[in-house]
Amino acid sequence: MRVNWAPNDLVTNKAQELAGRKSTSQRALQDAAEQFEAIFLYQLLEQMRRTVPENDLLGDRRAEKIFQSMLDQEMASTYAQTQSVGLAKMIYEQMSRYVSEDD
């Protein structure tokens, strides 16, 4: 699997998003929506991995499982930040009408 990822792209996108937001509470809502999406995607990836049958060809795989868990967490966080799924955006749009725009 090849992943096209440039750290500067995420930083630039994040800075532009923060500049365009109106208030602290709006930023907090956006961050909470992204965190919720990241948790949801992590759970999804974890459950998908459980469907793959395990074999003991290479012996004890504790290190591999730890690495896969860390990889799943990072992928979920990156997906949420880049809005590739769109769940955070939908949550933000639905909840933003209930959040004040005052700082």
Protein backbone atom coordinates (compact mmCIF):
# COMPACT_ATOMS: atom_id res chain seq x y z
CA MET A 1 0.00 0.00 0.00
CA ARG A 2 1.44 3.35 -1.02
CA VAL A 3 0.42 6.46 0.86
CA ASN A 4 1.00 9.92 -0.59
CA TRP A 5 1.68 12.00 2.48
CA ALA A 6 3.50 15.26 2.92
CA PRO A 7 3.72 16.70 6.45
CA ASN A 8 3.66 20.25 5.14
CA ASP A 9 0.28 19.71 3.48
CA LEU A 10 -1.37 18.89 6.80
CA VAL A 11 0.21 21.86 8.57
CA THR A 12 -0.81 24.24 5.78
CA ASN A 13 -4.38 22.93 5.66
CA LYS A 14 -4.68 23.11 9.45
CA ALA A 15 -3.40 26.71 9.52
CA GLN A 16 -5.84 27.77 6.80
CA GLU A 17 -8.72 26.10 8.65
CA LEU A 18 -7.82 27.83 11.92
CA ALA A 19 -7.53 31.22 10.22
CA GLY A 20 -10.98 30.85 8.68
CA ARG A 21 -12.74 29.95 11.91
CA LYS A 22 -14.67 32.56 13.84
CA SER A 23 -14.24 31.75 17.51
CA THR A 24 -12.62 29.56 20.11
CA SER A 25 -15.79 27.55 20.66
CA GLN A 26 -16.08 26.93 16.92
CA ARG A 27 -12.47 25.68 16.88
CA ALA A 28 -13.15 23.44 19.86
CA LEU A 29 -16.18 21.98 18.11
CA GLN A 30 -14.14 21.29 14.97
CA ASP A 31 -11.39 19.61 17.00
CA ALA A 32 -13.93 17.50 18.89
CA ALA A 33 -15.58 16.44 15.63
CA GLU A 34 -12.19 15.42 14.18
CA GLN A 35 -11.32 13.48 17.33
CA PHE A 36 -14.66 11.68 17.21
CA GLU A 37 -14.08 10.75 13.57
CA ALA A 38 -10.57 9.52 14.41
CA ILE A 39 -11.91 7.29 17.19
CA PHE A 40 -14.63 5.95 14.92
CA LEU A 41 -12.17 5.19 12.12
CA TYR A 42 -9.74 3.54 14.55
CA GLN A 43 -12.49 1.23 15.79
CA LEU A 44 -13.43 0.48 12.19
CA LEU A 45 -9.85 -0.39 11.24
CA GLU A 46 -9.40 -2.50 14.37
CA GLN A 47 -12.53 -4.54 13.66
CA MET A 48 -11.49 -4.98 10.02
CA ARG A 49 -8.12 -6.40 11.15
CA ARG A 50 -9.89 -8.91 13.40
CA THR A 51 -11.57 -10.46 10.36
CA VAL A 52 -8.20 -11.49 8.89
CA PRO A 53 -7.24 -15.00 9.99
CA GLU A 54 -4.02 -15.25 12.01
CA ASN A 55 -1.28 -17.79 11.47
CA ASP A 56 1.73 -18.69 13.59
CA LEU A 57 4.18 -19.07 10.74
CA LEU A 58 6.50 -16.39 12.10
CA GLY A 59 5.96 -17.22 15.77
CA ASP A 60 4.94 -14.71 18.41
CA ARG A 61 3.55 -11.56 16.75
CA ARG A 62 3.22 -9.18 19.71
CA ALA A 63 5.46 -6.53 18.15
CA GLU A 64 3.56 -6.75 14.87
CA LYS A 65 0.23 -6.30 16.67
CA ILE A 66 1.55 -3.26 18.54
CA PHE A 67 2.82 -1.78 15.28
CA GLN A 68 -0.51 -2.42 13.54
CA SER A 69 -2.39 -0.78 16.40
CA MET A 70 -0.14 2.29 16.26
CA LEU A 71 -0.46 2.40 12.46
CA ASP A 72 -4.25 2.21 12.70
CA GLN A 73 -4.29 5.08 15.20
CA GLU A 74 -2.11 7.26 12.98
CA MET A 75 -4.10 6.46 9.84
CA ALA A 76 -7.38 7.23 11.62
CA SER A 77 -6.02 10.55 12.89
CA THR A 78 -4.72 11.50 9.44
CA TYR A 79 -7.99 10.55 7.74
CA ALA A 80 -9.94 12.67 10.23
CA GLN A 81 -7.65 15.70 9.78
CA THR A 82 -7.78 15.58 5.99
CA GLN A 83 -11.55 15.03 5.97
CA SER A 84 -11.21 12.11 3.58
CA VAL A 85 -14.29 10.43 5.08
CA GLY A 86 -16.31 13.54 5.91
CA LEU A 87 -17.83 12.42 9.20
CA ALA A 88 -16.19 15.27 11.15
CA LYS A 89 -17.47 17.80 8.62
CA MET A 90 -21.04 16.51 8.94
CA ILE A 91 -20.84 16.54 12.75
CA TYR A 92 -19.46 20.08 12.71
CA GLU A 93 -22.16 21.33 10.35
CA GLN A 94 -24.92 19.77 12.45
CA MET A 95 -23.59 20.96 15.82
CA SER A 96 -22.27 24.42 14.84
CA ARG A 97 -25.74 25.96 14.98
CA TYR A 98 -25.83 25.15 18.71
CA VAL A 99 -22.44 26.73 19.48
CA SER A 100 -22.07 30.46 20.03
CA GLU A 101 -19.73 32.44 17.79
CA ASP A 102 -18.42 34.58 20.68
CA ASP A 103 -14.81 34.19 21.80
